[in-house]
């Protein structure tokens, strides 16, 4: 009887933990959809394909079209979800969902792609200046 009781409790606990984990996973998916994170990743992948098209100009468009069809936001989400799960509690995710549903959260999501693009350009400019400065100092030291 003790074993049966322990087994039932263990099963109930396992089901409860799975349900909680599944709920948290669903909430993380919702948050990622609200932020457009996975879709943004797919856009970056498509930009990479355009770069490949230029580098491999002899490859026909049919190859790239077929390859592009294999790129799915869900695949990226499957990789990202465990990261959010590790760093955020379910309560944190609830608060993030509330934020991204708010007017400022929606504005942030709308503006984030262009902000990222402009930030990357600024970072490249900054990096170039650092490289130029390092090269100049190396020249001054006779290297």
N, C-alpha and C. Protein backbone atom coordinates (compact mmCIF):
# COMPACT_ATOMS: atom_id res chain seq x y z
N UNK A 1 0.82 -1.19 0.00
CA UNK A 1 0.00 0.00 0.00
C UNK A 1 0.87 1.25 0.00
N UNK A 2 1.97 1.22 0.78
CA UNK A 2 2.87 2.36 0.83
C UNK A 2 3.46 2.65 -0.54
N UNK A 3 3.86 1.56 -1.22
CA UNK A 3 4.45 1.72 -2.55
C UNK A 3 3.45 2.32 -3.53
N UNK A 4 2.23 1.87 -3.45
CA UNK A 4 1.20 2.39 -4.33
C UNK A 4 0.97 3.87 -4.08
N UNK A 5 0.91 4.26 -2.82
CA UNK A 5 0.72 5.67 -2.46
C UNK A 5 1.90 6.50 -2.95
N UNK A 6 3.10 6.00 -2.73
CA UNK A 6 4.30 6.73 -3.18
C UNK A 6 4.31 6.83 -4.70
N UNK A 7 3.96 5.76 -5.38
CA UNK A 7 3.91 5.77 -6.85
C UNK A 7 2.89 6.78 -7.36
N UNK A 8 1.74 6.81 -6.75
CA UNK A 8 0.69 7.76 -7.17
C UNK A 8 1.16 9.19 -6.93
N UNK A 9 1.75 9.45 -5.77
CA UNK A 9 2.27 10.78 -5.48
C UNK A 9 3.36 11.18 -6.47
N UNK A 10 4.26 10.26 -6.78
CA UNK A 10 5.33 10.52 -7.72
C UNK A 10 4.77 10.86 -9.10
N UNK A 11 3.79 10.08 -9.55
CA UNK A 11 3.15 10.33 -10.85
C UNK A 11 2.45 11.68 -10.86
N UNK A 12 1.74 11.98 -9.79
CA UNK A 12 1.03 13.27 -9.72
C UNK A 12 2.01 14.43 -9.74
N UNK A 13 3.11 14.29 -9.01
CA UNK A 13 4.13 15.33 -8.98
C UNK A 13 4.77 15.49 -10.36
N UNK A 14 5.06 14.39 -11.02
CA UNK A 14 5.65 14.44 -12.36
C UNK A 14 4.72 15.12 -13.35
N UNK A 15 3.45 14.78 -13.30
CA UNK A 15 2.47 15.39 -14.20
C UNK A 15 2.36 16.88 -13.91
N UNK A 16 2.34 17.24 -12.63
CA UNK A 16 2.27 18.65 -12.25
C UNK A 16 3.48 19.42 -12.75
N UNK A 17 4.67 18.84 -12.60
CA UNK A 17 5.88 19.51 -13.06
C UNK A 17 5.88 19.63 -14.58
N UNK A 18 5.42 18.58 -15.28
CA UNK A 18 5.36 18.63 -16.74
C UNK A 18 4.38 19.70 -17.19
N UNK A 19 3.24 19.78 -16.53
CA UNK A 19 2.24 20.79 -16.89
C UNK A 19 2.79 22.18 -16.66
N UNK A 20 3.48 22.37 -15.56
CA UNK A 20 4.06 23.68 -15.27
C UNK A 20 5.11 24.02 -16.31
N UNK A 21 5.96 23.05 -16.64
CA UNK A 21 7.00 23.28 -17.63
C UNK A 21 6.38 23.58 -18.99
N UNK A 22 5.34 22.83 -19.35
CA UNK A 22 4.66 23.05 -20.62
C UNK A 22 4.02 24.43 -20.66
N UNK A 23 3.40 24.84 -19.55
CA UNK A 23 2.79 26.16 -19.47
C UNK A 23 3.86 27.24 -19.63
N UNK A 24 4.98 27.07 -18.95
CA UNK A 24 6.06 28.05 -19.06
C UNK A 24 6.58 28.09 -20.49
N UNK A 25 6.75 26.94 -21.09
CA UNK A 25 7.21 26.87 -22.49
C UNK A 25 6.24 27.60 -23.40
N UNK A 26 4.95 27.37 -23.20
CA UNK A 26 3.93 28.06 -24.01
C UNK A 26 4.01 29.57 -23.83
N UNK A 27 4.26 29.98 -22.60
CA UNK A 27 4.37 31.42 -22.32
C UNK A 27 5.62 32.00 -22.98
N UNK A 28 6.70 31.26 -22.95
CA UNK A 28 7.93 31.73 -23.62
C UNK A 28 7.68 31.85 -25.12
N UNK A 29 7.00 30.88 -25.69
CA UNK A 29 6.66 30.94 -27.13
C UNK A 29 5.84 32.20 -27.42
N UNK A 30 4.85 32.47 -26.55
CA UNK A 30 4.01 33.64 -26.74
C UNK A 30 4.85 34.91 -26.68
N UNK A 31 5.76 34.98 -25.71
CA UNK A 31 6.62 36.15 -25.57
C UNK A 31 7.49 36.32 -26.82
N UNK A 32 8.05 35.22 -27.33
CA UNK A 32 8.89 35.29 -28.52
C UNK A 32 8.07 35.74 -29.74
N UNK A 33 6.82 35.30 -29.80
CA UNK A 33 5.96 35.75 -30.88
C UNK A 33 5.66 37.25 -30.76
N UNK A 34 5.41 37.70 -29.53
CA UNK A 34 5.14 39.12 -29.31
C UNK A 34 6.33 39.99 -29.71
N UNK A 35 7.53 39.50 -29.41
CA UNK A 35 8.73 40.29 -29.71
C UNK A 35 9.18 40.12 -31.15
N UNK A 36 8.70 39.08 -31.81
CA UNK A 36 9.13 38.82 -33.18
C UNK A 36 10.55 38.28 -33.27
N UNK A 37 11.07 37.79 -32.16
CA UNK A 37 12.46 37.33 -32.10
C UNK A 37 12.78 36.27 -33.13
N UNK A 38 11.96 35.24 -33.22
CA UNK A 38 12.25 34.16 -34.15
C UNK A 38 12.15 34.64 -35.59
N UNK A 39 11.15 35.48 -35.87
CA UNK A 39 11.01 36.00 -37.23
C UNK A 39 12.19 36.90 -37.60
N UNK A 40 12.69 37.63 -36.63
CA UNK A 40 13.86 38.47 -36.87
C UNK A 40 15.06 37.59 -37.22
N UNK A 41 15.19 36.46 -36.54
CA UNK A 41 16.25 35.51 -36.85
C UNK A 41 16.14 34.98 -38.27
N UNK A 42 14.91 34.70 -38.70
CA UNK A 42 14.69 34.21 -40.06
C UNK A 42 15.06 35.30 -41.07
N UNK A 43 14.74 36.55 -40.76
CA UNK A 43 15.12 37.65 -41.66
C UNK A 43 16.64 37.74 -41.79
N UNK A 44 17.35 37.56 -40.70
CA UNK A 44 18.81 37.59 -40.74
C UNK A 44 19.32 36.44 -41.60
N UNK A 45 18.73 35.25 -41.44
CA UNK A 45 19.12 34.10 -42.25
C UNK A 45 18.89 34.37 -43.73
N UNK A 46 17.79 35.01 -44.06
CA UNK A 46 17.50 35.33 -45.47
C UNK A 46 18.49 36.35 -46.02
N UNK A 47 18.92 37.28 -45.17
CA UNK A 47 19.95 38.23 -45.60
C UNK A 47 21.26 37.50 -45.86
N UNK A 48 21.55 36.49 -45.05
CA UNK A 48 22.75 35.69 -45.27
C UNK A 48 22.66 34.97 -46.61
N UNK A 49 21.49 34.46 -46.93
CA UNK A 49 21.30 33.78 -48.22
C UNK A 49 21.55 34.75 -49.36
N UNK A 50 21.08 35.98 -49.23
CA UNK A 50 21.34 36.98 -50.27
C UNK A 50 22.83 37.21 -50.46
N UNK A 51 23.56 37.20 -49.36
CA UNK A 51 25.02 37.34 -49.45
C UNK A 51 25.62 36.13 -50.15
N UNK A 52 25.14 34.94 -49.82
CA UNK A 52 25.62 33.73 -50.49
C UNK A 52 25.30 33.78 -51.99
N UNK A 53 24.12 34.28 -52.32
CA UNK A 53 23.74 34.38 -53.74
C UNK A 53 24.76 35.22 -54.52
N UNK A 54 25.22 36.30 -53.90
CA UNK A 54 26.21 37.15 -54.56
C UNK A 54 27.56 36.44 -54.67
N UNK A 55 27.94 35.71 -53.62
CA UNK A 55 29.23 35.01 -53.62
C UNK A 55 29.21 33.80 -54.55
N UNK A 56 28.07 33.15 -54.67
CA UNK A 56 27.92 31.97 -55.51
C UNK A 56 26.93 32.27 -56.63
N UNK A 57 27.28 33.23 -57.45
CA UNK A 57 26.37 33.71 -58.49
C UNK A 57 26.07 32.66 -59.56
N UNK A 58 26.89 31.63 -59.65
CA UNK A 58 26.65 30.58 -60.65
C UNK A 58 25.55 29.61 -60.21
N UNK A 59 25.18 29.67 -58.92
CA UNK A 59 24.14 28.78 -58.41
C UNK A 59 22.78 29.38 -58.76
N UNK A 60 21.92 28.55 -59.30
CA UNK A 60 20.60 29.01 -59.74
C UNK A 60 19.68 29.39 -58.60
N UNK A 61 18.70 30.22 -58.93
CA UNK A 61 17.73 30.69 -57.92
C UNK A 61 16.92 29.54 -57.32
N UNK A 62 16.70 28.48 -58.10
CA UNK A 62 15.91 27.35 -57.60
C UNK A 62 16.57 26.73 -56.36
N UNK A 63 17.91 26.63 -56.38
CA UNK A 63 18.63 26.10 -55.22
C UNK A 63 18.36 26.95 -53.99
N UNK A 64 18.51 28.27 -54.14
CA UNK A 64 18.34 29.18 -53.00
C UNK A 64 16.89 29.22 -52.53
N UNK A 65 15.94 29.15 -53.47
CA UNK A 65 14.53 29.13 -53.09
C UNK A 65 14.21 27.88 -52.26
N UNK A 66 14.73 26.72 -52.71
CA UNK A 66 14.51 25.48 -51.96
C UNK A 66 15.18 25.55 -50.59
N UNK A 67 16.38 26.09 -50.57
CA UNK A 67 17.11 26.20 -49.30
C UNK A 67 16.38 27.11 -48.34
N UNK A 68 15.87 28.22 -48.84
CA UNK A 68 15.16 29.20 -48.00
C UNK A 68 13.91 28.60 -47.38
N UNK A 69 13.26 27.68 -48.09
CA UNK A 69 12.06 27.03 -47.56
C UNK A 69 12.34 26.21 -46.32
N UNK A 70 13.60 25.79 -46.15
CA UNK A 70 13.97 24.98 -44.99
C UNK A 70 14.16 25.82 -43.73
N UNK A 71 14.22 27.13 -43.87
CA UNK A 71 14.45 28.00 -42.73
C UNK A 71 13.11 28.29 -42.06
N UNK A 72 13.00 27.84 -40.83
CA UNK A 72 11.73 27.97 -40.10
C UNK A 72 11.97 28.66 -38.76
N UNK A 73 11.08 29.60 -38.44
CA UNK A 73 11.16 30.31 -37.16
C UNK A 73 11.04 29.33 -35.99
N UNK A 74 10.26 28.28 -36.16
CA UNK A 74 10.06 27.31 -35.08
C UNK A 74 11.38 26.63 -34.69
N UNK A 75 12.25 26.38 -35.67
CA UNK A 75 13.54 25.76 -35.37
C UNK A 75 14.37 26.66 -34.47
N UNK A 76 14.36 27.94 -34.75
CA UNK A 76 15.09 28.89 -33.91
C UNK A 76 14.44 28.98 -32.53
N UNK A 77 13.11 29.00 -32.50
CA UNK A 77 12.41 29.07 -31.21
C UNK A 77 12.77 27.88 -30.34
N UNK A 78 12.87 26.70 -30.94
CA UNK A 78 13.23 25.50 -30.18
C UNK A 78 14.60 25.63 -29.53
N UNK A 79 15.48 26.39 -30.14
CA UNK A 79 16.81 26.62 -29.58
C UNK A 79 16.81 27.72 -28.53
N UNK A 80 15.93 28.70 -28.70
CA UNK A 80 15.89 29.86 -27.80
C UNK A 80 15.11 29.57 -26.52
N UNK A 81 14.05 28.80 -26.60
CA UNK A 81 13.18 28.55 -25.45
C UNK A 81 13.95 28.05 -24.22
N UNK A 82 14.84 27.06 -24.36
CA UNK A 82 15.57 26.62 -23.16
C UNK A 82 16.44 27.72 -22.54
N UNK A 83 16.90 28.65 -23.35
CA UNK A 83 17.72 29.76 -22.83
C UNK A 83 16.87 30.66 -21.94
N UNK A 84 15.68 31.03 -22.43
CA UNK A 84 14.77 31.84 -21.62
C UNK A 84 14.32 31.07 -20.38
N UNK A 85 14.07 29.78 -20.56
CA UNK A 85 13.64 28.94 -19.44
C UNK A 85 14.69 28.92 -18.34
N UNK A 86 15.95 28.90 -18.73
CA UNK A 86 17.06 28.85 -17.76
C UNK A 86 17.22 30.17 -17.00
N UNK A 87 16.98 31.29 -17.67
CA UNK A 87 17.29 32.60 -17.07
C UNK A 87 16.09 33.33 -16.47
N UNK A 88 14.87 32.89 -16.79
CA UNK A 88 13.68 33.58 -16.31
C UNK A 88 12.72 32.60 -15.65
N UNK A 89 12.08 33.07 -14.59
CA UNK A 89 11.02 32.29 -13.96
C UNK A 89 9.74 32.47 -14.77
N UNK A 90 8.76 31.65 -14.46
CA UNK A 90 7.47 31.78 -15.14
C UNK A 90 6.85 33.15 -14.83
N UNK A 91 7.03 33.63 -13.61
CA UNK A 91 6.53 34.95 -13.23
C UNK A 91 7.22 36.05 -14.06
N UNK A 92 8.53 35.89 -14.26
CA UNK A 92 9.27 36.84 -15.10
C UNK A 92 8.68 36.87 -16.51
N UNK A 93 8.41 35.70 -17.05
CA UNK A 93 7.86 35.60 -18.41
C UNK A 93 6.49 36.28 -18.46
N UNK A 94 5.67 36.07 -17.41
CA UNK A 94 4.36 36.73 -17.35
C UNK A 94 4.52 38.25 -17.41
N UNK A 95 5.50 38.77 -16.66
CA UNK A 95 5.74 40.22 -16.66
C UNK A 95 6.24 40.71 -18.01
N UNK A 96 7.10 39.91 -18.66
CA UNK A 96 7.58 40.29 -19.99
C UNK A 96 6.44 40.31 -21.00
N UNK A 97 5.55 39.33 -20.91
CA UNK A 97 4.39 39.30 -21.81
C UNK A 97 3.54 40.54 -21.58
N UNK A 98 3.32 40.89 -20.32
CA UNK A 98 2.54 42.09 -20.01
C UNK A 98 3.23 43.32 -20.60
N UNK A 99 4.55 43.40 -20.46
CA UNK A 99 5.29 44.53 -21.02
C UNK A 99 5.13 44.59 -22.54
N UNK A 100 5.36 43.47 -23.22
CA UNK A 100 5.30 43.47 -24.68
C UNK A 100 3.89 43.65 -25.21
N UNK A 101 2.88 43.46 -24.36
CA UNK A 101 1.50 43.76 -24.74
C UNK A 101 1.14 45.22 -24.48
N UNK A 102 1.98 45.93 -23.73
CA UNK A 102 1.72 47.34 -23.41
C UNK A 102 2.08 48.21 -24.62
N UNK A 103 1.58 49.45 -24.66
CA UNK A 103 1.91 50.34 -25.77
C UNK A 103 3.42 50.55 -25.95
N UNK A 104 4.17 50.73 -24.85
CA UNK A 104 5.62 50.94 -24.98
C UNK A 104 6.31 49.65 -25.42
N UNK A 105 5.82 48.52 -24.97
CA UNK A 105 6.38 47.24 -25.39
C UNK A 105 6.17 47.02 -26.88
N UNK A 106 4.97 47.36 -27.37
CA UNK A 106 4.68 47.24 -28.81
C UNK A 106 5.56 48.19 -29.62
N UNK A 107 5.75 49.40 -29.08
CA UNK A 107 6.61 50.37 -29.77
C UNK A 107 8.05 49.85 -29.83
N UNK A 108 8.49 49.27 -28.73
CA UNK A 108 9.84 48.73 -28.70
C UNK A 108 10.00 47.62 -29.75
N UNK A 109 9.03 46.73 -29.82
CA UNK A 109 9.07 45.64 -30.79
C UNK A 109 9.08 46.18 -32.22
N UNK A 110 8.28 47.19 -32.47
CA UNK A 110 8.23 47.78 -33.82
C UNK A 110 9.55 48.44 -34.19
N UNK A 111 10.17 49.12 -33.23
CA UNK A 111 11.39 49.87 -33.52
C UNK A 111 12.67 49.05 -33.40
N UNK A 112 12.61 47.91 -32.75
CA UNK A 112 13.81 47.14 -32.49
C UNK A 112 14.60 46.75 -33.75
N UNK A 113 13.96 46.29 -34.82
CA UNK A 113 14.76 45.93 -36.00
C UNK A 113 15.59 47.09 -36.55
N UNK A 114 15.01 48.26 -36.65
CA UNK A 114 15.76 49.40 -37.18
C UNK A 114 16.81 49.87 -36.18
N UNK A 115 16.48 49.79 -34.88
CA UNK A 115 17.46 50.16 -33.85
C UNK A 115 18.65 49.21 -33.91
N UNK A 116 18.37 47.90 -34.08
CA UNK A 116 19.46 46.92 -34.20
C UNK A 116 20.32 47.21 -35.42
N UNK A 117 19.67 47.51 -36.54
CA UNK A 117 20.40 47.79 -37.77
C UNK A 117 21.29 49.03 -37.60
N UNK A 118 20.72 50.09 -37.05
CA UNK A 118 21.48 51.31 -36.83
C UNK A 118 22.58 51.10 -35.79
N UNK A 119 22.30 50.30 -34.77
CA UNK A 119 23.30 50.01 -33.75
C UNK A 119 24.47 49.20 -34.32
N UNK A 120 24.15 48.26 -35.22
CA UNK A 120 25.21 47.49 -35.86
C UNK A 120 26.09 48.39 -36.72
N UNK A 121 25.48 49.32 -37.43
CA UNK A 121 26.25 50.26 -38.25
C UNK A 121 27.13 51.13 -37.35
N UNK A 122 26.57 51.60 -36.24
CA UNK A 122 27.35 52.41 -35.30
C UNK A 122 28.50 51.58 -34.72
N UNK A 123 28.24 50.32 -34.41
CA UNK A 123 29.28 49.43 -33.89
C UNK A 123 30.39 49.20 -34.89
N UNK A 124 30.03 49.09 -36.17
CA UNK A 124 31.05 48.93 -37.21
C UNK A 124 31.91 50.17 -37.32
N UNK A 125 31.29 51.33 -37.26
CA UNK A 125 32.04 52.60 -37.31
C UNK A 125 32.98 52.69 -36.11
N UNK A 126 32.47 52.37 -34.95
CA UNK A 126 33.25 52.40 -33.72
C UNK A 126 34.43 51.43 -33.82
N UNK A 127 34.15 50.21 -34.30
CA UNK A 127 35.19 49.19 -34.44
C UNK A 127 36.26 49.62 -35.43
N UNK A 128 35.85 50.27 -36.52
CA UNK A 128 36.82 50.75 -37.52
C UNK A 128 37.74 51.81 -36.91
N UNK A 129 37.15 52.70 -36.13
CA UNK A 129 37.96 53.75 -35.48
C UNK A 129 38.97 53.13 -34.51
N UNK A 130 38.55 52.13 -33.77
CA UNK A 130 39.46 51.46 -32.83
C UNK A 130 40.58 50.77 -33.61
N UNK A 131 40.22 50.10 -34.71
CA UNK A 131 41.23 49.42 -35.53
C UNK A 131 42.23 50.42 -36.10
N UNK A 132 41.72 51.55 -36.61
CA UNK A 132 42.61 52.58 -37.16
C UNK A 132 43.55 53.11 -36.08
N UNK A 133 43.01 53.34 -34.91
CA UNK A 133 43.81 53.86 -33.79
C UNK A 133 44.89 52.85 -33.40
N UNK A 134 44.54 51.57 -33.35
CA UNK A 134 45.51 50.53 -32.99
C UNK A 134 46.61 50.44 -34.04
N UNK A 135 46.23 50.48 -35.32
CA UNK A 135 47.21 50.41 -36.41
C UNK A 135 48.14 51.61 -36.36
N UNK A 136 47.58 52.78 -36.12
CA UNK A 136 48.40 54.00 -36.04
C UNK A 136 49.40 53.90 -34.89
N UNK A 137 48.96 53.44 -33.74
CA UNK A 137 49.87 53.31 -32.60
C UNK A 137 50.95 52.26 -32.86
N UNK A 138 50.57 51.18 -33.53
CA UNK A 138 51.55 50.15 -33.89
C UNK A 138 52.61 50.73 -34.83
N UNK A 139 52.16 51.53 -35.78
CA UNK A 139 53.11 52.19 -36.71
C UNK A 139 54.05 53.12 -35.95
N UNK A 140 53.48 53.88 -35.02
CA UNK A 140 54.30 54.81 -34.23
C UNK A 140 55.35 54.06 -33.42
N UNK A 141 55.04 52.87 -32.98
CA UNK A 141 55.98 52.07 -32.17
C UNK A 141 56.93 51.27 -33.05
N UNK A 142 56.75 51.37 -34.38
CA UNK A 142 57.66 50.69 -35.29
C UNK A 142 57.30 49.25 -35.61
N UNK A 143 56.08 48.87 -35.39
CA UNK A 143 55.66 47.51 -35.72
C UNK A 143 55.14 47.42 -37.11
